[in-house]
Amino acid sequence: MLTLSVSERLALKGRAHSLNPIVMIGNAGLTESVLKEIDASLLRHELIKIRVMGDDRALRESMMTEICTQLHAGPVQHIGKILVIFRPSPEANLIEIKKMPRHKGKKPLTKKQLGSRS
């Protein structure tokens, strides 16, 4: 599993805010075909959102850890039924993770301010 620092996760959360879920995990759960689709999506996009249809929070968290360990990805965020996962792709290099930008007061920008910048 890929480990991300706090500043990297914050930067990725800001980038993922405007994304729509690419993969949906239904009642069948985390199957081999779903894992292949997630792997293919991570190769193309590096940062993806996954919607899980189950109501059990512990099951969703275990799915996220299983996905990240099997695909060597990093967990970014788990809010409600949405999972955000990141895996850098050597071919794509689409996302450049930067440190949190600072403004005049030398305080980090809020998520709302970061979202309005991109």
C-alpha atoms as a PDB file:
ATOM      1  CA  MET A   1       0.000   0.000   0.000  1.00  0.00           C
ATOM      2  CA  LEU A   2       1.254   3.450  -0.915  1.00  0.00           C
ATOM      3  CA  THR A   3       1.541   5.859   2.015  1.00  0.00           C
ATOM      4  CA  LEU A   4       0.764   9.520   1.475  1.00  0.00           C
ATOM      5  CA  SER A   5       1.769  12.434   3.687  1.00  0.00           C
ATOM      6  CA  VAL A   6      -0.829  14.794   5.074  1.00  0.00           C
ATOM      7  CA  SER A   7       0.040  17.583   2.641  1.00  0.00           C
ATOM      8  CA  GLU A   8      -0.121  15.160  -0.300  1.00  0.00           C
ATOM      9  CA  ARG A   9      -3.530  13.885   0.809  1.00  0.00           C
ATOM     10  CA  LEU A  10      -4.835  17.436   1.197  1.00  0.00           C
ATOM     11  CA  ALA A  11      -3.625  18.368  -2.282  1.00  0.00           C
ATOM     12  CA  LEU A  12      -5.201  15.228  -3.759  1.00  0.00           C
ATOM     13  CA  LYS A  13      -8.479  15.842  -1.914  1.00  0.00           C
ATOM     14  CA  GLY A  14      -8.657  19.275  -3.519  1.00  0.00           C
ATOM     15  CA  ARG A  15      -8.045  17.779  -6.972  1.00  0.00           C
ATOM     16  CA  ALA A  16     -10.598  14.997  -6.416  1.00  0.00           C
ATOM     17  CA  HIS A  17     -13.395  17.326  -5.354  1.00  0.00           C
ATOM     18  CA  SER A  18     -14.568  18.008  -8.904  1.00  0.00           C
ATOM     19  CA  LEU A  19     -14.253  14.387 -10.107  1.00  0.00           C
ATOM     20  CA  ASN A  20     -17.187  12.069 -10.688  1.00  0.00           C
ATOM     21  CA  PRO A  21     -17.088   8.420  -9.595  1.00  0.00           C
ATOM     22  CA  ILE A  22     -15.608   6.236 -12.349  1.00  0.00           C
ATOM     23  CA  VAL A  23     -16.186   2.782 -10.849  1.00  0.00           C
ATOM     24  CA  MET A  24     -19.231   1.563  -8.948  1.00  0.00           C
ATOM     25  CA  ILE A  25     -19.137  -1.445  -6.617  1.00  0.00           C
ATOM     26  CA  GLY A  26     -22.572  -3.037  -6.417  1.00  0.00           C
ATOM     27  CA  ASN A  27     -24.194  -5.781  -4.358  1.00  0.00           C
ATOM     28  CA  ALA A  28     -21.752  -8.443  -5.627  1.00  0.00           C
ATOM     29  CA  GLY A  29     -18.968  -6.663  -3.762  1.00  0.00           C
ATOM     30  CA  LEU A  30     -15.329  -6.444  -4.721  1.00  0.00           C
ATOM     31  CA  THR A  31     -14.951  -8.988  -7.520  1.00  0.00           C
ATOM     32  CA  GLU A  32     -11.983  -9.721  -9.759  1.00  0.00           C
ATOM     33  CA  SER A  33     -13.559  -7.827 -12.677  1.00  0.00           C
ATOM     34  CA  VAL A  34     -14.138  -4.762 -10.486  1.00  0.00           C
ATOM     35  CA  LEU A  35     -10.481  -4.842  -9.415  1.00  0.00           C
ATOM     36  CA  LYS A  36      -9.394  -5.030 -13.058  1.00  0.00           C
ATOM     37  CA  GLU A  37     -11.560  -2.028 -13.900  1.00  0.00           C
ATOM     38  CA  ILE A  38     -10.143  -0.056 -10.964  1.00  0.00           C
ATOM     39  CA  ASP A  39      -6.616  -0.977 -12.065  1.00  0.00           C
ATOM     40  CA  ALA A  40      -7.308   0.162 -15.636  1.00  0.00           C
ATOM     41  CA  SER A  41      -8.853   3.418 -14.393  1.00  0.00           C
ATOM     42  CA  LEU A  42      -5.860   4.112 -12.158  1.00  0.00           C
ATOM     43  CA  LEU A  43      -3.540   3.623 -15.127  1.00  0.00           C
ATOM     44  CA  ARG A  44      -5.467   6.206 -17.149  1.00  0.00           C
ATOM     45  CA  HIS A  45      -6.344   8.763 -14.492  1.00  0.00           C
ATOM     46  CA  GLU A  46      -4.069   8.216 -11.433  1.00  0.00           C
ATOM     47  CA  LEU A  47      -6.722   9.701  -9.110  1.00  0.00           C
ATOM     48  CA  ILE A  48     -10.206   8.157  -9.116  1.00  0.00           C
ATOM     49  CA  LYS A  49     -13.426   8.111  -7.162  1.00  0.00           C
ATOM     50  CA  ILE A  50     -15.243   4.849  -6.471  1.00  0.00           C
ATOM     51  CA  ARG A  51     -18.885   4.627  -5.361  1.00  0.00           C
ATOM     52  CA  VAL A  52     -19.792   1.707  -3.081  1.00  0.00           C
ATOM     53  CA  MET A  53     -23.457   0.754  -2.885  1.00  0.00           C
ATOM     54  CA  GLY A  54     -23.308  -1.058   0.483  1.00  0.00           C
ATOM     55  CA  ASP A  55     -24.497   0.570   3.697  1.00  0.00           C
ATOM     56  CA  ASP A  56     -21.917  -1.031   6.023  1.00  0.00           C
ATOM     57  CA  ARG A  57     -19.131   1.458   6.817  1.00  0.00           C
ATOM     58  CA  ALA A  58     -16.718  -1.211   8.083  1.00  0.00           C
ATOM     59  CA  LEU A  59     -17.189  -3.155   4.850  1.00  0.00           C
ATOM     60  CA  ARG A  60     -16.419  -0.039   2.795  1.00  0.00           C
ATOM     61  CA  GLU A  61     -13.250   0.591   4.809  1.00  0.00           C
ATOM     62  CA  SER A  62     -12.124  -3.007   4.371  1.00  0.00           C
ATOM     63  CA  MET A  63     -12.792  -2.702   0.613  1.00  0.00           C
ATOM     64  CA  MET A  64     -10.633   0.415   0.481  1.00  0.00           C
ATOM     65  CA  THR A  65      -7.735  -1.289   2.261  1.00  0.00           C
ATOM     66  CA  GLU A  66      -8.062  -4.371   0.068  1.00  0.00           C
ATOM     67  CA  ILE A  67      -8.077  -2.272  -3.116  1.00  0.00           C
ATOM     68  CA  CYS A  68      -5.056  -0.265  -1.979  1.00  0.00           C
ATOM     69  CA  THR A  69      -3.017  -3.307  -0.932  1.00  0.00           C
ATOM     70  CA  GLN A  70      -3.776  -5.368  -4.034  1.00  0.00           C
ATOM     71  CA  LEU A  71      -3.232  -2.516  -6.506  1.00  0.00           C
ATOM     72  CA  HIS A  72      -0.378  -0.756  -4.620  1.00  0.00           C
ATOM     73  CA  ALA A  73      -2.368   2.465  -4.388  1.00  0.00           C
ATOM     74  CA  GLY A  74      -2.786   5.071  -1.675  1.00  0.00           C
ATOM     75  CA  PRO A  75      -6.045   5.830   0.135  1.00  0.00           C
ATOM     76  CA  VAL A  76      -6.857   9.517  -0.075  1.00  0.00           C
ATOM     77  CA  GLN A  77     -10.351   9.885   1.354  1.00  0.00           C
ATOM     78  CA  HIS A  78     -13.440   7.956   2.449  1.00  0.00           C
ATOM     79  CA  ILE A  79     -16.575  10.060   2.780  1.00  0.00           C
ATOM     80  CA  GLY A  80     -19.928   8.344   2.898  1.00  0.00           C
ATOM     81  CA  LYS A  81     -20.129   5.887   0.034  1.00  0.00           C
ATOM     82  CA  ILE A  82     -17.308   7.501  -1.959  1.00  0.00           C
ATOM     83  CA  LEU A  83     -13.717   6.254  -1.896  1.00  0.00           C
ATOM     84  CA  VAL A  84     -10.892   8.315  -3.380  1.00  0.00           C
ATOM     85  CA  ILE A  85      -7.755   6.410  -4.402  1.00  0.00           C
ATOM     86  CA  PHE A  86      -4.459   7.546  -5.907  1.00  0.00           C
ATOM     87  CA  ARG A  87      -1.700   5.592  -7.644  1.00  0.00           C
ATOM     88  CA  PRO A  88       1.021   7.410  -9.576  1.00  0.00           C
ATOM     89  CA  SER A  89       1.389   6.068 -13.079  1.00  0.00           C
ATOM     90  CA  PRO A  90       4.882   6.124 -14.592  1.00  0.00           C
ATOM     91  CA  GLU A  91       3.452   6.558 -18.111  1.00  0.00           C
ATOM     92  CA  ALA A  92       0.845   9.197 -17.414  1.00  0.00           C
ATOM     93  CA  ASN A  93       2.371  11.542 -14.798  1.00  0.00           C
ATOM     94  CA  LEU A  94      -0.845  13.534 -14.954  1.00  0.00           C
ATOM     95  CA  ILE A  95      -0.874  14.752 -11.384  1.00  0.00           C
ATOM     96  CA  GLU A  96       1.998  16.678  -9.893  1.00  0.00           C
ATOM     97  CA  ILE A  97       1.644  16.804  -6.133  1.00  0.00           C
ATOM     98  CA  LYS A  98       2.687  20.167  -4.778  1.00  0.00           C
ATOM     99  CA  LYS A  99       2.918  21.419  -1.250  1.00  0.00           C
ATOM    100  CA  MET A 100       0.026  23.454   0.041  1.00  0.00           C
ATOM    101  CA  PRO A 101       0.205  26.976  -1.428  1.00  0.00           C
ATOM    102  CA  ARG A 102       0.389  29.813   1.024  1.00  0.00           C
ATOM    103  CA  HIS A 103      -0.944  33.324   0.770  1.00  0.00           C
ATOM    104  CA  LYS A 104       0.030  36.685   2.306  1.00  0.00           C
ATOM    105  CA  GLY A 105      -0.699  35.713   5.911  1.00  0.00           C
ATOM    106  CA  LYS A 106       1.522  32.636   5.575  1.00  0.00           C
ATOM    107  CA  LYS A 107      -1.370  30.391   6.570  1.00  0.00           C
ATOM    108  CA  PRO A 108      -2.354  27.453   4.363  1.00  0.00           C
ATOM    109  CA  LEU A 109      -5.308  28.053   2.092  1.00  0.00           C
ATOM    110  CA  THR A 110      -8.599  26.420   3.005  1.00  0.00           C
ATOM    111  CA  LYS A 111     -10.170  23.688   0.878  1.00  0.00           C
ATOM    112  CA  LYS A 112     -12.668  26.205  -0.466  1.00  0.00           C
ATOM    113  CA  GLN A 113      -9.893  28.578  -1.510  1.00  0.00           C
ATOM    114  CA  LEU A 114      -7.943  25.715  -3.106  1.00  0.00           C
ATOM    115  CA  GLY A 115     -11.003  24.605  -5.084  1.00  0.00           C
ATOM    116  CA  SER A 116     -11.550  28.057  -6.529  1.00  0.00           C
ATOM    117  CA  ARG A 117      -7.962  28.166  -7.842  1.00  0.00           C
ATOM    118  CA  SER A 118      -8.256  25.267 -10.289  1.00  0.00           C
END
